[in-house]
């Protein structure tokens, strides 16, 4: 009976360690680092090919969208640094030049960030229409 109990404890411990190890490795490999553009520039070549998330502002005048609407190139800036971005996919409705954005993807050796995901930041504060403009449109009543 004691031998059976010992085998059960050893087997359970090995199973627990294996599951914990696989869970840790899965989380580690799917973790995506979050950098600003200036932090990414400081890292240099050490981040090529890694899954990253970068925050910055879309540089006005840098946005070029192909006729198909699924290929987009633009530049994001932050802290005086800039980063060219290439994205292929559906562009979110909230994407706009001058807006804040978080992009996810990988930095190529050519210095162009290959984005898989665009996450434009929404305004943090709701601003209602002015009463005067509503009165002029006859849509405001007292």
C-alpha atoms as a PDB file:
ATOM      1  CA  UNK A   1       0.000   0.000   0.000  1.00  0.00           C
ATOM      2  CA  UNK A   2       2.845   2.392   0.860  1.00  0.00           C
ATOM      3  CA  UNK A   3       4.569   1.674  -2.444  1.00  0.00           C
ATOM      4  CA  UNK A   4       1.341   2.412  -4.349  1.00  0.00           C
ATOM      5  CA  UNK A   5       0.920   5.717  -2.492  1.00  0.00           C
ATOM      6  CA  UNK A   6       4.537   6.725  -3.192  1.00  0.00           C
ATOM      7  CA  UNK A   7       4.113   5.951  -6.920  1.00  0.00           C
ATOM      8  CA  UNK A   8       0.942   8.038  -6.992  1.00  0.00           C
ATOM      9  CA  UNK A   9       2.672  11.017  -5.328  1.00  0.00           C
ATOM     10  CA  UNK A  10       5.704  10.816  -7.647  1.00  0.00           C
ATOM     11  CA  UNK A  11       3.510  10.467 -10.745  1.00  0.00           C
ATOM     12  CA  UNK A  12       1.292  13.353  -9.633  1.00  0.00           C
ATOM     13  CA  UNK A  13       4.325  15.550  -8.964  1.00  0.00           C
ATOM     14  CA  UNK A  14       5.813  14.822 -12.394  1.00  0.00           C
ATOM     15  CA  UNK A  15       2.467  15.561 -14.052  1.00  0.00           C
ATOM     16  CA  UNK A  16       2.097  18.826 -12.115  1.00  0.00           C
ATOM     17  CA  UNK A  17       5.629  19.965 -13.021  1.00  0.00           C
ATOM     18  CA  UNK A  18       5.075  19.093 -16.700  1.00  0.00           C
ATOM     19  CA  UNK A  19       1.788  21.037 -16.857  1.00  0.00           C
ATOM     20  CA  UNK A  20       3.317  24.024 -15.035  1.00  0.00           C
ATOM     21  CA  UNK A  21       6.311  24.028 -17.410  1.00  0.00           C
ATOM     22  CA  UNK A  22       4.119  23.865 -20.526  1.00  0.00           C
ATOM     23  CA  UNK A  23       1.888  26.635 -19.192  1.00  0.00           C
ATOM     24  CA  UNK A  24       4.862  28.861 -18.410  1.00  0.00           C
ATOM     25  CA  UNK A  25       6.416  28.301 -21.842  1.00  0.00           C
ATOM     26  CA  UNK A  26       3.095  28.997 -23.567  1.00  0.00           C
ATOM     27  CA  UNK A  27       2.619  32.279 -21.738  1.00  0.00           C
ATOM     28  CA  UNK A  28       6.237  33.267 -22.312  1.00  0.00           C
ATOM     29  CA  UNK A  29       6.104  32.623 -26.060  1.00  0.00           C
ATOM     30  CA  UNK A  30       2.833  34.493 -26.515  1.00  0.00           C
ATOM     31  CA  UNK A  31       3.869  37.462 -24.398  1.00  0.00           C
ATOM     32  CA  UNK A  32       4.208  40.609 -26.420  1.00  0.00           C
ATOM     33  CA  UNK A  33       6.456  43.381 -25.157  1.00  0.00           C
ATOM     34  CA  UNK A  34       5.073  46.919 -25.062  1.00  0.00           C
ATOM     35  CA  UNK A  35       7.455  49.684 -26.120  1.00  0.00           C
ATOM     36  CA  UNK A  36       7.225  53.298 -27.150  1.00  0.00           C
ATOM     37  CA  UNK A  37       8.916  54.240 -30.430  1.00  0.00           C
ATOM     38  CA  UNK A  38      11.892  55.800 -28.636  1.00  0.00           C
ATOM     39  CA  UNK A  39      12.348  52.692 -26.443  1.00  0.00           C
ATOM     40  CA  UNK A  40      12.293  50.505 -29.548  1.00  0.00           C
ATOM     41  CA  UNK A  41      14.958  52.640 -31.232  1.00  0.00           C
ATOM     42  CA  UNK A  42      17.147  52.320 -28.098  1.00  0.00           C
ATOM     43  CA  UNK A  43      16.876  48.504 -28.247  1.00  0.00           C
ATOM     44  CA  UNK A  44      18.304  48.440 -31.772  1.00  0.00           C
ATOM     45  CA  UNK A  45      18.975  45.097 -33.475  1.00  0.00           C
ATOM     46  CA  UNK A  46      18.170  43.022 -30.386  1.00  0.00           C
ATOM     47  CA  UNK A  47      14.410  43.072 -31.077  1.00  0.00           C
ATOM     48  CA  UNK A  48      14.372  41.995 -34.741  1.00  0.00           C
ATOM     49  CA  UNK A  49      11.878  39.223 -35.346  1.00  0.00           C
ATOM     50  CA  UNK A  50      10.352  39.354 -31.853  1.00  0.00           C
ATOM     51  CA  UNK A  51       6.612  39.804 -31.285  1.00  0.00           C
ATOM     52  CA  UNK A  52       6.229  43.397 -30.089  1.00  0.00           C
ATOM     53  CA  UNK A  53       3.617  46.026 -29.372  1.00  0.00           C
ATOM     54  CA  UNK A  54       4.541  49.643 -30.046  1.00  0.00           C
ATOM     55  CA  UNK A  55       2.715  52.815 -29.038  1.00  0.00           C
ATOM     56  CA  UNK A  56       2.994  56.089 -30.901  1.00  0.00           C
ATOM     57  CA  UNK A  57       1.164  58.747 -32.870  1.00  0.00           C
ATOM     58  CA  UNK A  58       0.349  58.386 -36.563  1.00  0.00           C
ATOM     59  CA  UNK A  59       2.370  61.055 -38.362  1.00  0.00           C
ATOM     60  CA  UNK A  60       0.004  63.266 -40.397  1.00  0.00           C
ATOM     61  CA  UNK A  61       0.824  63.135 -44.108  1.00  0.00           C
ATOM     62  CA  UNK A  62       2.559  59.760 -43.868  1.00  0.00           C
ATOM     63  CA  UNK A  63      -0.480  57.540 -44.485  1.00  0.00           C
ATOM     64  CA  UNK A  64      -0.593  55.788 -47.875  1.00  0.00           C
ATOM     65  CA  UNK A  65      -3.345  53.278 -48.590  1.00  0.00           C
ATOM     66  CA  UNK A  66      -3.349  51.119 -51.717  1.00  0.00           C
ATOM     67  CA  UNK A  67      -6.413  51.029 -53.981  1.00  0.00           C
ATOM     68  CA  UNK A  68      -7.415  47.618 -52.608  1.00  0.00           C
ATOM     69  CA  UNK A  69      -7.763  49.234 -49.184  1.00  0.00           C
ATOM     70  CA  UNK A  70      -6.001  46.316 -47.525  1.00  0.00           C
ATOM     71  CA  UNK A  71      -2.399  47.561 -47.698  1.00  0.00           C
ATOM     72  CA  UNK A  72      -1.401  50.523 -45.577  1.00  0.00           C
ATOM     73  CA  UNK A  73       1.928  52.220 -44.932  1.00  0.00           C
ATOM     74  CA  UNK A  74       2.418  55.013 -42.425  1.00  0.00           C
ATOM     75  CA  UNK A  75       4.872  56.331 -39.851  1.00  0.00           C
ATOM     76  CA  UNK A  76       4.391  56.523 -36.107  1.00  0.00           C
ATOM     77  CA  UNK A  77       6.300  58.964 -33.912  1.00  0.00           C
ATOM     78  CA  UNK A  78       6.985  59.409 -30.218  1.00  0.00           C
ATOM     79  CA  UNK A  79       9.688  61.209 -28.282  1.00  0.00           C
ATOM     80  CA  UNK A  80      11.269  62.676 -31.410  1.00  0.00           C
ATOM     81  CA  UNK A  81      11.748  59.224 -32.970  1.00  0.00           C
ATOM     82  CA  UNK A  82       9.842  57.765 -35.913  1.00  0.00           C
ATOM     83  CA  UNK A  83       9.111  54.258 -37.165  1.00  0.00           C
ATOM     84  CA  UNK A  84       7.862  53.265 -40.641  1.00  0.00           C
ATOM     85  CA  UNK A  85       5.010  50.738 -40.526  1.00  0.00           C
ATOM     86  CA  UNK A  86       3.611  48.313 -43.107  1.00  0.00           C
ATOM     87  CA  UNK A  87       0.182  46.758 -42.497  1.00  0.00           C
ATOM     88  CA  UNK A  88      -1.898  44.391 -44.590  1.00  0.00           C
ATOM     89  CA  UNK A  89      -5.484  43.854 -43.473  1.00  0.00           C
ATOM     90  CA  UNK A  90      -8.736  45.629 -42.724  1.00  0.00           C
ATOM     91  CA  UNK A  91      -8.089  49.143 -41.439  1.00  0.00           C
ATOM     92  CA  UNK A  92     -10.136  50.038 -38.322  1.00  0.00           C
ATOM     93  CA  UNK A  93     -12.641  52.888 -38.719  1.00  0.00           C
ATOM     94  CA  UNK A  94     -11.027  54.774 -35.841  1.00  0.00           C
ATOM     95  CA  UNK A  95      -7.589  54.879 -37.537  1.00  0.00           C
ATOM     96  CA  UNK A  96      -6.672  58.474 -38.385  1.00  0.00           C
ATOM     97  CA  UNK A  97      -3.563  60.579 -38.996  1.00  0.00           C
ATOM     98  CA  UNK A  98      -2.488  62.351 -35.822  1.00  0.00           C
ATOM     99  CA  UNK A  99      -4.221  59.802 -33.603  1.00  0.00           C
ATOM    100  CA  UNK A 100      -2.596  57.598 -30.993  1.00  0.00           C
ATOM    101  CA  UNK A 101      -2.163  53.966 -31.930  1.00  0.00           C
ATOM    102  CA  UNK A 102      -0.762  50.697 -30.625  1.00  0.00           C
ATOM    103  CA  UNK A 103       0.557  48.322 -33.277  1.00  0.00           C
ATOM    104  CA  UNK A 104       1.439  44.662 -32.843  1.00  0.00           C
ATOM    105  CA  UNK A 105       3.831  42.733 -35.061  1.00  0.00           C
ATOM    106  CA  UNK A 106       7.547  42.323 -35.725  1.00  0.00           C
ATOM    107  CA  UNK A 107      10.378  44.670 -36.627  1.00  0.00           C
ATOM    108  CA  UNK A 108      12.145  43.645 -39.814  1.00  0.00           C
ATOM    109  CA  UNK A 109      15.901  43.960 -40.406  1.00  0.00           C
ATOM    110  CA  UNK A 110      15.125  46.736 -42.912  1.00  0.00           C
ATOM    111  CA  UNK A 111      13.780  48.863 -40.021  1.00  0.00           C
ATOM    112  CA  UNK A 112      10.155  48.647 -41.179  1.00  0.00           C
ATOM    113  CA  UNK A 113       7.669  47.388 -38.606  1.00  0.00           C
ATOM    114  CA  UNK A 114       5.457  44.646 -40.088  1.00  0.00           C
ATOM    115  CA  UNK A 115       2.194  45.161 -38.191  1.00  0.00           C
ATOM    116  CA  UNK A 116      -0.289  42.323 -37.778  1.00  0.00           C
ATOM    117  CA  UNK A 117      -2.740  44.365 -35.707  1.00  0.00           C
ATOM    118  CA  UNK A 118      -3.689  48.046 -35.505  1.00  0.00           C
ATOM    119  CA  UNK A 119      -5.299  49.268 -32.291  1.00  0.00           C
ATOM    120  CA  UNK A 120      -6.185  52.963 -32.546  1.00  0.00           C
ATOM    121  CA  UNK A 121      -6.783  54.530 -29.168  1.00  0.00           C
ATOM    122  CA  UNK A 122     -10.206  56.038 -28.621  1.00  0.00           C
ATOM    123  CA  UNK A 123     -10.594  59.503 -27.116  1.00  0.00           C
ATOM    124  CA  UNK A 124     -10.488  59.248 -23.340  1.00  0.00           C
ATOM    125  CA  UNK A 125     -13.179  61.848 -22.776  1.00  0.00           C
ATOM    126  CA  UNK A 126     -16.662  62.241 -24.209  1.00  0.00           C
ATOM    127  CA  UNK A 127     -17.352  65.768 -25.415  1.00  0.00           C
ATOM    128  CA  UNK A 128     -21.052  66.551 -25.965  1.00  0.00           C
ATOM    129  CA  UNK A 129     -22.196  68.936 -28.675  1.00  0.00           C
ATOM    130  CA  UNK A 130     -22.578  72.565 -27.670  1.00  0.00           C
ATOM    131  CA  UNK A 131     -26.115  73.695 -26.829  1.00  0.00           C
ATOM    132  CA  UNK A 132     -25.897  76.576 -29.303  1.00  0.00           C
ATOM    133  CA  UNK A 133     -25.221  74.256 -32.215  1.00  0.00           C
ATOM    134  CA  UNK A 134     -28.145  72.082 -31.173  1.00  0.00           C
ATOM    135  CA  UNK A 135     -30.467  75.115 -30.946  1.00  0.00           C
ATOM    136  CA  UNK A 136     -29.442  76.178 -34.447  1.00  0.00           C
ATOM    137  CA  UNK A 137     -30.350  72.770 -35.808  1.00  0.00           C
ATOM    138  CA  UNK A 138     -33.770  72.865 -34.062  1.00  0.00           C
ATOM    139  CA  UNK A 139     -32.975  69.569 -32.415  1.00  0.00           C
ATOM    140  CA  UNK A 140     -32.797  70.968 -28.906  1.00  0.00           C
ATOM    141  CA  UNK A 141     -35.946  71.844 -27.029  1.00  0.00           C
ATOM    142  CA  UNK A 142     -36.558  73.295 -23.571  1.00  0.00           C
END
